[in-house]
N, C-alpha and C. Protein backbone atom coordinates (compact mmCIF):
# COMPACT_ATOMS: atom_id res chain seq x y z
N UNK A 1 61.37 21.12 5.62
CA UNK A 1 61.40 19.73 5.15
C UNK A 1 60.25 19.50 4.17
N UNK A 2 60.58 18.79 3.09
CA UNK A 2 59.59 18.48 2.07
C UNK A 2 59.42 16.97 1.97
N UNK A 3 58.36 16.55 1.30
CA UNK A 3 58.09 15.12 1.16
C UNK A 3 59.24 14.38 0.48
N UNK A 4 59.89 15.04 -0.49
CA UNK A 4 60.99 14.36 -1.19
C UNK A 4 62.27 14.29 -0.36
N UNK A 5 62.27 14.96 0.80
CA UNK A 5 63.45 14.93 1.67
C UNK A 5 63.31 13.94 2.81
N UNK A 6 62.15 13.26 2.92
CA UNK A 6 61.94 12.29 4.00
C UNK A 6 62.83 11.08 3.79
N UNK A 7 63.51 10.66 4.83
CA UNK A 7 64.39 9.49 4.79
C UNK A 7 64.27 8.74 6.10
N UNK A 8 64.51 7.42 6.05
CA UNK A 8 64.62 6.65 7.28
C UNK A 8 65.90 7.04 8.01
N UNK A 9 65.94 6.78 9.30
CA UNK A 9 67.17 7.01 10.06
C UNK A 9 68.26 6.09 9.52
N UNK A 10 69.51 6.51 9.58
CA UNK A 10 70.58 5.63 9.09
C UNK A 10 70.60 4.32 9.88
N UNK A 11 70.62 3.20 9.16
CA UNK A 11 70.66 1.89 9.80
C UNK A 11 69.29 1.35 10.17
N UNK A 12 68.22 2.08 9.85
CA UNK A 12 66.88 1.64 10.22
C UNK A 12 66.38 0.53 9.31
N UNK A 13 66.84 0.52 8.05
CA UNK A 13 66.39 -0.51 7.12
C UNK A 13 67.59 -1.28 6.57
N UNK A 14 67.37 -2.55 6.30
CA UNK A 14 68.42 -3.38 5.71
C UNK A 14 67.96 -3.85 4.35
N UNK A 15 68.92 -4.12 3.48
CA UNK A 15 68.57 -4.67 2.19
C UNK A 15 68.23 -6.14 2.35
N UNK A 16 67.28 -6.61 1.54
CA UNK A 16 66.84 -8.00 1.58
C UNK A 16 67.99 -8.91 1.18
N UNK A 17 68.17 -10.01 1.94
CA UNK A 17 69.21 -10.97 1.63
C UNK A 17 68.79 -11.76 0.40
N UNK A 18 69.60 -11.71 -0.66
CA UNK A 18 69.28 -12.41 -1.91
C UNK A 18 69.83 -13.82 -1.83
N UNK A 19 68.94 -14.77 -1.71
CA UNK A 19 69.29 -16.17 -1.48
C UNK A 19 69.31 -16.91 -2.81
N UNK A 20 70.20 -17.87 -2.94
CA UNK A 20 70.25 -18.72 -4.12
C UNK A 20 70.79 -18.03 -5.35
N UNK A 21 71.80 -17.16 -5.17
CA UNK A 21 72.36 -16.43 -6.30
C UNK A 21 73.84 -16.78 -6.49
N UNK A 22 74.14 -18.06 -6.47
CA UNK A 22 75.51 -18.50 -6.73
C UNK A 22 76.28 -18.82 -5.48
N UNK A 23 77.22 -19.74 -5.62
CA UNK A 23 77.95 -20.27 -4.47
C UNK A 23 78.83 -19.21 -3.82
N UNK A 24 79.28 -18.23 -4.61
CA UNK A 24 80.16 -17.20 -4.08
C UNK A 24 79.46 -16.21 -3.17
N UNK A 25 78.13 -16.16 -3.20
CA UNK A 25 77.40 -15.19 -2.37
C UNK A 25 77.36 -15.61 -0.91
N UNK A 26 77.63 -16.87 -0.64
CA UNK A 26 77.54 -17.37 0.73
C UNK A 26 76.16 -17.91 1.06
N UNK A 27 75.18 -17.61 0.21
CA UNK A 27 73.83 -18.14 0.41
C UNK A 27 73.34 -18.77 -0.90
N UNK A 28 74.27 -19.39 -1.61
CA UNK A 28 73.90 -20.05 -2.86
C UNK A 28 73.59 -21.51 -2.63
N UNK A 29 73.44 -22.27 -3.64
CA UNK A 29 73.18 -23.71 -3.64
C UNK A 29 71.96 -24.05 -2.80
N UNK A 30 72.11 -24.33 -1.52
CA UNK A 30 70.96 -24.74 -0.71
C UNK A 30 70.18 -23.54 -0.18
N UNK A 31 70.70 -22.36 -0.35
CA UNK A 31 69.98 -21.14 0.03
C UNK A 31 69.72 -21.03 1.52
N UNK A 32 70.64 -21.52 2.35
CA UNK A 32 70.50 -21.40 3.80
C UNK A 32 69.54 -22.38 4.42
N UNK A 33 69.05 -23.37 3.64
CA UNK A 33 68.07 -24.32 4.16
C UNK A 33 68.69 -25.62 4.65
N UNK A 34 70.00 -25.76 4.60
CA UNK A 34 70.61 -27.04 4.92
C UNK A 34 70.60 -27.90 3.67
N UNK A 35 70.51 -29.22 3.83
CA UNK A 35 70.52 -30.08 2.65
C UNK A 35 69.39 -31.09 2.70
N UNK A 36 68.85 -31.38 1.56
CA UNK A 36 67.89 -32.46 1.31
C UNK A 36 66.67 -32.46 2.24
N UNK A 37 65.74 -33.32 1.92
CA UNK A 37 64.61 -33.53 2.80
C UNK A 37 63.47 -32.57 2.58
N UNK A 38 62.36 -32.88 3.28
CA UNK A 38 61.12 -32.13 3.09
C UNK A 38 61.29 -30.65 3.44
N UNK A 39 62.04 -30.35 4.49
CA UNK A 39 62.15 -28.97 4.94
C UNK A 39 62.97 -28.10 4.00
N UNK A 40 63.74 -28.72 3.11
CA UNK A 40 64.52 -27.92 2.16
C UNK A 40 63.67 -27.48 0.98
N UNK A 41 62.48 -28.04 0.85
CA UNK A 41 61.60 -27.69 -0.27
C UNK A 41 60.65 -26.55 0.13
N UNK A 42 59.99 -25.98 -0.85
CA UNK A 42 59.03 -24.92 -0.52
C UNK A 42 57.67 -25.53 -0.22
N UNK A 43 56.83 -24.76 0.47
CA UNK A 43 55.45 -25.19 0.74
C UNK A 43 55.33 -26.25 1.80
N UNK A 44 56.18 -26.22 2.83
CA UNK A 44 56.18 -27.24 3.88
C UNK A 44 55.46 -26.70 5.11
N UNK A 45 54.53 -27.47 5.67
CA UNK A 45 53.87 -27.07 6.91
C UNK A 45 53.78 -28.30 7.81
N UNK A 46 54.79 -28.49 8.65
CA UNK A 46 54.78 -29.65 9.55
C UNK A 46 55.01 -29.17 10.98
N UNK A 47 54.21 -28.20 11.39
CA UNK A 47 54.45 -27.54 12.68
C UNK A 47 54.48 -28.49 13.87
N UNK A 48 53.42 -29.27 14.05
CA UNK A 48 53.36 -30.14 15.22
C UNK A 48 53.75 -31.57 14.91
N UNK A 49 54.36 -31.81 13.77
CA UNK A 49 54.66 -33.19 13.35
C UNK A 49 55.90 -33.69 14.06
N UNK A 50 55.80 -34.90 14.65
CA UNK A 50 56.92 -35.48 15.40
C UNK A 50 57.32 -36.82 14.81
N UNK A 51 57.35 -36.91 13.49
CA UNK A 51 57.82 -38.13 12.85
C UNK A 51 56.87 -39.30 13.00
N UNK A 52 55.59 -39.06 13.15
CA UNK A 52 54.63 -40.14 13.29
C UNK A 52 54.26 -40.42 14.73
N UNK A 53 55.12 -40.02 15.68
CA UNK A 53 54.79 -40.14 17.11
C UNK A 53 53.64 -39.19 17.41
N UNK A 54 52.79 -39.57 18.36
CA UNK A 54 51.64 -38.72 18.72
C UNK A 54 52.17 -37.35 19.21
N UNK A 55 51.79 -36.26 18.55
CA UNK A 55 52.32 -34.94 18.92
C UNK A 55 51.96 -34.56 20.35
N UNK A 56 52.81 -33.74 20.96
CA UNK A 56 52.64 -33.39 22.38
C UNK A 56 51.32 -32.66 22.61
N UNK A 57 50.87 -31.87 21.65
CA UNK A 57 49.62 -31.13 21.85
C UNK A 57 48.42 -32.07 21.82
N UNK A 58 48.59 -33.29 21.32
CA UNK A 58 47.51 -34.28 21.37
C UNK A 58 47.68 -35.25 22.52
N UNK A 59 48.91 -35.38 23.03
CA UNK A 59 49.15 -36.27 24.19
C UNK A 59 48.66 -35.64 25.49
N UNK A 60 48.75 -34.32 25.59
CA UNK A 60 48.38 -33.65 26.84
C UNK A 60 46.87 -33.41 26.89
N UNK A 61 46.28 -33.49 28.11
CA UNK A 61 44.83 -33.28 28.23
C UNK A 61 44.45 -31.81 28.02
N UNK A 62 43.20 -31.60 27.62
CA UNK A 62 42.69 -30.23 27.47
C UNK A 62 42.45 -29.64 28.85
N UNK A 63 42.63 -28.33 28.97
CA UNK A 63 42.41 -27.67 30.26
C UNK A 63 41.59 -26.40 30.05
N UNK A 64 40.64 -26.16 30.94
CA UNK A 64 39.92 -24.90 30.98
C UNK A 64 38.95 -24.70 29.83
N UNK A 65 38.36 -23.53 29.79
CA UNK A 65 37.40 -23.18 28.75
C UNK A 65 37.31 -21.66 28.66
N UNK A 66 36.68 -21.17 27.63
CA UNK A 66 36.46 -19.74 27.47
C UNK A 66 34.98 -19.47 27.70
N UNK A 67 34.70 -18.63 28.68
CA UNK A 67 33.33 -18.28 29.00
C UNK A 67 32.80 -17.30 27.95
N UNK A 68 31.83 -17.74 27.15
CA UNK A 68 31.31 -16.88 26.09
C UNK A 68 30.39 -15.79 26.62
N UNK A 69 30.00 -15.89 27.88
CA UNK A 69 29.13 -14.89 28.49
C UNK A 69 29.91 -13.90 29.36
N UNK A 70 31.24 -13.99 29.37
CA UNK A 70 32.05 -13.10 30.20
C UNK A 70 31.89 -11.66 29.73
N UNK A 71 31.83 -10.75 30.68
CA UNK A 71 31.71 -9.33 30.37
C UNK A 71 33.10 -8.73 30.14
N UNK A 72 33.21 -7.84 29.18
CA UNK A 72 34.47 -7.17 28.88
C UNK A 72 34.31 -5.70 29.24
N UNK A 73 34.91 -5.32 30.36
CA UNK A 73 34.76 -3.96 30.87
C UNK A 73 35.94 -3.08 30.49
N UNK A 74 35.68 -1.79 30.27
CA UNK A 74 36.75 -0.80 30.20
C UNK A 74 37.19 -0.53 31.63
N UNK A 75 38.49 -0.36 31.84
CA UNK A 75 38.99 -0.06 33.17
C UNK A 75 39.59 1.33 33.19
N UNK A 76 39.18 2.12 34.17
CA UNK A 76 39.67 3.50 34.29
C UNK A 76 40.14 3.70 35.72
N UNK A 77 41.37 4.18 35.86
CA UNK A 77 41.92 4.47 37.18
C UNK A 77 41.57 5.89 37.60
N UNK A 78 41.60 6.11 38.91
CA UNK A 78 41.25 7.43 39.45
C UNK A 78 42.20 8.52 38.96
N UNK A 79 43.49 8.17 38.75
CA UNK A 79 44.43 9.19 38.30
C UNK A 79 44.11 9.69 36.89
N UNK A 80 43.51 8.82 36.06
CA UNK A 80 43.10 9.25 34.70
C UNK A 80 41.94 10.24 34.80
N UNK A 81 41.01 9.98 35.74
CA UNK A 81 39.89 10.91 35.94
C UNK A 81 40.40 12.26 36.45
N UNK A 82 41.33 12.21 37.41
CA UNK A 82 41.86 13.44 37.99
C UNK A 82 42.62 14.25 36.93
N UNK A 83 43.36 13.56 36.07
CA UNK A 83 44.10 14.25 34.99
C UNK A 83 43.14 14.92 34.02
N UNK A 84 42.02 14.23 33.71
CA UNK A 84 41.02 14.81 32.80
C UNK A 84 40.38 16.05 33.42
N UNK A 85 40.20 16.04 34.73
CA UNK A 85 39.64 17.20 35.42
C UNK A 85 40.66 18.35 35.42
N UNK A 86 41.94 18.01 35.69
CA UNK A 86 43.00 19.03 35.68
C UNK A 86 43.15 19.65 34.30
N UNK A 87 42.96 18.84 33.24
CA UNK A 87 43.07 19.33 31.86
C UNK A 87 41.78 20.00 31.37
N UNK A 88 40.80 20.15 32.25
CA UNK A 88 39.51 20.79 31.96
C UNK A 88 38.69 20.02 30.92
N UNK A 89 38.89 18.71 30.82
CA UNK A 89 38.08 17.90 29.91
C UNK A 89 36.79 17.47 30.60
N UNK A 90 36.86 17.21 31.90
CA UNK A 90 35.68 16.85 32.69
C UNK A 90 35.41 17.95 33.71
N UNK A 91 34.12 18.16 34.00
CA UNK A 91 33.73 19.13 35.02
C UNK A 91 33.34 18.38 36.28
N UNK A 92 33.62 18.96 37.43
CA UNK A 92 33.35 18.28 38.69
C UNK A 92 31.85 18.16 38.98
N UNK A 93 31.04 19.06 38.50
CA UNK A 93 29.61 19.04 38.78
C UNK A 93 28.84 18.01 37.97
N UNK A 94 29.33 17.64 36.80
CA UNK A 94 28.61 16.74 35.90
C UNK A 94 28.64 15.30 36.42
N UNK A 95 27.64 14.52 35.97
CA UNK A 95 27.65 13.08 36.23
C UNK A 95 28.52 12.42 35.17
N UNK A 96 29.50 11.66 35.63
CA UNK A 96 30.44 11.01 34.70
C UNK A 96 29.89 9.64 34.34
N UNK A 97 29.62 9.44 33.04
CA UNK A 97 29.11 8.16 32.54
C UNK A 97 30.08 7.62 31.48
N UNK A 98 29.78 6.43 30.97
CA UNK A 98 30.62 5.85 29.92
C UNK A 98 30.63 6.75 28.70
N UNK A 99 29.47 7.29 28.34
CA UNK A 99 29.37 8.15 27.16
C UNK A 99 30.23 9.41 27.30
N UNK A 100 30.23 10.00 28.50
CA UNK A 100 31.04 11.21 28.70
C UNK A 100 32.53 10.90 28.66
N UNK A 101 32.91 9.69 29.13
CA UNK A 101 34.33 9.29 29.08
C UNK A 101 34.79 9.06 27.64
N UNK A 102 33.91 8.51 26.81
CA UNK A 102 34.24 8.32 25.39
C UNK A 102 34.34 9.68 24.70
N UNK A 103 33.43 10.58 25.05
CA UNK A 103 33.37 11.90 24.43
C UNK A 103 34.65 12.71 24.67
N UNK A 104 35.20 12.63 25.90
CA UNK A 104 36.41 13.40 26.22
C UNK A 104 37.69 12.67 25.84
N UNK A 105 37.57 11.40 25.39
CA UNK A 105 38.74 10.68 24.89
C UNK A 105 39.46 9.81 25.90
N UNK A 106 38.88 9.60 27.08
CA UNK A 106 39.50 8.70 28.06
C UNK A 106 39.33 7.26 27.59
N UNK A 107 38.14 6.95 27.05
CA UNK A 107 37.88 5.62 26.49
C UNK A 107 37.73 5.73 24.98
N UNK A 108 38.12 4.68 24.27
CA UNK A 108 37.99 4.68 22.82
C UNK A 108 36.61 4.23 22.40
N UNK A 109 36.10 3.17 23.05
CA UNK A 109 34.78 2.65 22.68
C UNK A 109 34.08 2.09 23.92
N UNK A 110 32.78 1.97 23.82
CA UNK A 110 31.98 1.42 24.91
C UNK A 110 31.98 -0.10 24.77
N UNK A 111 32.40 -0.79 25.80
CA UNK A 111 32.33 -2.26 25.79
C UNK A 111 31.09 -2.65 26.58
N UNK A 112 31.25 -3.44 27.65
CA UNK A 112 30.10 -3.83 28.48
C UNK A 112 29.96 -2.92 29.70
N UNK A 113 30.56 -1.76 29.64
CA UNK A 113 30.50 -0.84 30.77
C UNK A 113 31.91 -0.47 31.20
N UNK A 114 32.00 0.29 32.29
CA UNK A 114 33.30 0.75 32.78
C UNK A 114 33.45 0.37 34.25
N UNK A 115 34.66 -0.07 34.62
CA UNK A 115 34.99 -0.34 36.01
C UNK A 115 36.00 0.70 36.47
N UNK A 116 35.74 1.29 37.63
CA UNK A 116 36.64 2.29 38.18
C UNK A 116 37.60 1.58 39.14
N UNK A 117 38.90 1.78 38.90
CA UNK A 117 39.93 1.17 39.75
C UNK A 117 40.61 2.26 40.57
N UNK A 118 41.16 1.86 41.71
CA UNK A 118 41.63 2.82 42.71
C UNK A 118 43.07 3.26 42.58
N UNK A 119 43.68 3.18 41.42
CA UNK A 119 45.07 3.61 41.25
C UNK A 119 45.13 5.13 41.16
N UNK A 120 45.97 5.74 41.93
CA UNK A 120 46.09 7.19 41.88
C UNK A 120 45.25 7.87 42.96
N UNK A 121 45.29 9.20 42.94
CA UNK A 121 44.61 9.99 43.96
C UNK A 121 43.55 10.87 43.30
N UNK A 122 42.41 10.97 43.96
CA UNK A 122 41.32 11.79 43.45
C UNK A 122 41.08 12.94 44.42
N UNK A 123 41.14 14.17 43.90
CA UNK A 123 40.94 15.35 44.75
C UNK A 123 39.58 15.98 44.53
N UNK A 124 38.99 15.75 43.34
CA UNK A 124 37.74 16.41 42.97
C UNK A 124 36.52 15.63 43.46
N UNK A 125 35.44 16.36 43.69
CA UNK A 125 34.17 15.75 44.10
C UNK A 125 33.42 15.34 42.84
N UNK A 126 33.23 14.03 42.63
CA UNK A 126 32.64 13.53 41.40
C UNK A 126 31.39 12.69 41.67
N UNK A 127 30.48 12.71 40.70
CA UNK A 127 29.34 11.79 40.69
C UNK A 127 29.56 10.87 39.50
N UNK A 128 29.71 9.56 39.78
CA UNK A 128 30.08 8.62 38.73
C UNK A 128 29.03 7.53 38.61
N UNK A 129 28.69 7.18 37.37
CA UNK A 129 27.85 6.01 37.09
C UNK A 129 28.72 5.00 36.37
N UNK A 130 28.90 3.81 36.97
CA UNK A 130 29.78 2.80 36.38
C UNK A 130 29.20 1.41 36.60
N UNK A 131 29.69 0.46 35.81
CA UNK A 131 29.23 -0.93 35.93
C UNK A 131 29.85 -1.60 37.15
N UNK A 132 30.95 -1.04 37.63
CA UNK A 132 31.60 -1.62 38.80
C UNK A 132 32.72 -0.73 39.28
N UNK A 133 33.19 -1.02 40.50
CA UNK A 133 34.31 -0.26 41.06
C UNK A 133 34.97 -1.10 42.14
N UNK A 134 36.27 -0.92 42.30
CA UNK A 134 36.99 -1.64 43.36
C UNK A 134 36.69 -0.96 44.70
N UNK A 135 36.95 -1.69 45.78
CA UNK A 135 36.70 -1.13 47.12
C UNK A 135 37.52 0.12 47.35
N UNK A 136 38.78 0.07 46.94
CA UNK A 136 39.66 1.23 47.10
C UNK A 136 39.16 2.44 46.34
N UNK A 137 38.62 2.21 45.13
CA UNK A 137 38.11 3.31 44.32
C UNK A 137 36.88 3.93 44.98
N UNK A 138 35.98 3.09 45.49
CA UNK A 138 34.77 3.59 46.16
C UNK A 138 35.15 4.43 47.37
N UNK A 139 36.10 3.92 48.17
CA UNK A 139 36.55 4.66 49.36
C UNK A 139 37.15 6.01 48.98
N UNK A 140 37.99 6.01 47.93
CA UNK A 140 38.65 7.25 47.52
C UNK A 140 37.64 8.28 47.00
N UNK A 141 36.64 7.81 46.24
CA UNK A 141 35.63 8.73 45.70
C UNK A 141 34.81 9.34 46.83
N UNK A 142 34.40 8.48 47.79
CA UNK A 142 33.59 8.97 48.91
C UNK A 142 34.42 9.86 49.84
N UNK A 143 35.71 9.56 49.98
CA UNK A 143 36.59 10.38 50.81
C UNK A 143 36.74 11.79 50.23
N UNK A 144 36.74 11.88 48.88
CA UNK A 144 36.83 13.18 48.21
C UNK A 144 35.49 13.91 48.21
N UNK A 145 34.44 13.28 48.75
CA UNK A 145 33.12 13.92 48.82
C UNK A 145 32.22 13.58 47.65
N UNK A 146 32.64 12.64 46.83
CA UNK A 146 31.85 12.27 45.66
C UNK A 146 30.89 11.13 45.93
N UNK A 147 30.24 10.66 44.85
CA UNK A 147 29.25 9.60 44.96
C UNK A 147 29.39 8.69 43.74
N UNK A 148 29.29 7.38 43.96
CA UNK A 148 29.37 6.44 42.84
C UNK A 148 28.12 5.57 42.83
N UNK A 149 27.55 5.38 41.64
CA UNK A 149 26.39 4.53 41.44
C UNK A 149 26.82 3.34 40.60
N UNK A 150 26.59 2.13 41.12
CA UNK A 150 26.93 0.91 40.37
C UNK A 150 25.70 0.51 39.56
N UNK A 151 25.86 0.47 38.25
CA UNK A 151 24.76 0.12 37.35
C UNK A 151 24.68 -1.38 37.16
N UNK A 152 23.48 -1.89 36.84
CA UNK A 152 23.33 -3.31 36.51
C UNK A 152 23.95 -3.54 35.14
N UNK A 153 24.70 -4.64 34.96
CA UNK A 153 25.31 -4.91 33.64
C UNK A 153 24.26 -5.06 32.55
N UNK A 154 24.69 -4.83 31.29
CA UNK A 154 23.78 -4.97 30.15
C UNK A 154 23.21 -6.37 30.12
N UNK A 155 21.93 -6.48 29.80
CA UNK A 155 21.31 -7.79 29.70
C UNK A 155 20.59 -8.22 30.95
N UNK A 156 20.98 -7.69 32.11
CA UNK A 156 20.34 -8.09 33.37
C UNK A 156 19.03 -7.33 33.59
N UNK A 157 18.89 -6.14 33.01
CA UNK A 157 17.65 -5.37 33.19
C UNK A 157 16.48 -6.10 32.54
N UNK A 158 16.72 -6.66 31.34
CA UNK A 158 15.64 -7.39 30.65
C UNK A 158 15.25 -8.65 31.44
N UNK A 159 16.25 -9.29 32.06
CA UNK A 159 15.98 -10.51 32.81
C UNK A 159 15.17 -10.20 34.07
N UNK A 160 15.43 -9.03 34.69
CA UNK A 160 14.70 -8.65 35.89
C UNK A 160 13.25 -8.35 35.60
N UNK A 161 12.95 -7.81 34.40
CA UNK A 161 11.59 -7.43 34.06
C UNK A 161 10.69 -8.63 33.76
N UNK A 162 11.28 -9.74 33.34
CA UNK A 162 10.48 -10.92 32.97
C UNK A 162 9.96 -11.67 34.15
């Protein structure tokens, strides 16, 4: 196969519908927009407009808020760790940290730390350093003979020193 032989699968692409090209095309005259009025013209933006009535998004009360201090953790299940060990990406003797997980490709980037979740089965004895872990994950790691250390989240170490 060569670059000039590359093609889309049959039926994968459609030709653009040519609107406003005569009454015989089936999409002539009004061009599929109906007739008359503001919406038949171009450049219209009346998303929440209800004809002058107070729009529903302004009638309803505001709810909730976004916590700007919320931590965003990477989540890793035990089965992903076990698969990495089976694929010889992680060694059982090493301490598993966020940096080592990024290095072997389990995580794409470091956020505010990693949380270990208990989905799947762990057979290997591991030493893990993480920002958090579920009860099930801690039990499974200790049952396999491993050890988990819960680290203080970023920003709390500086607060403790003051």
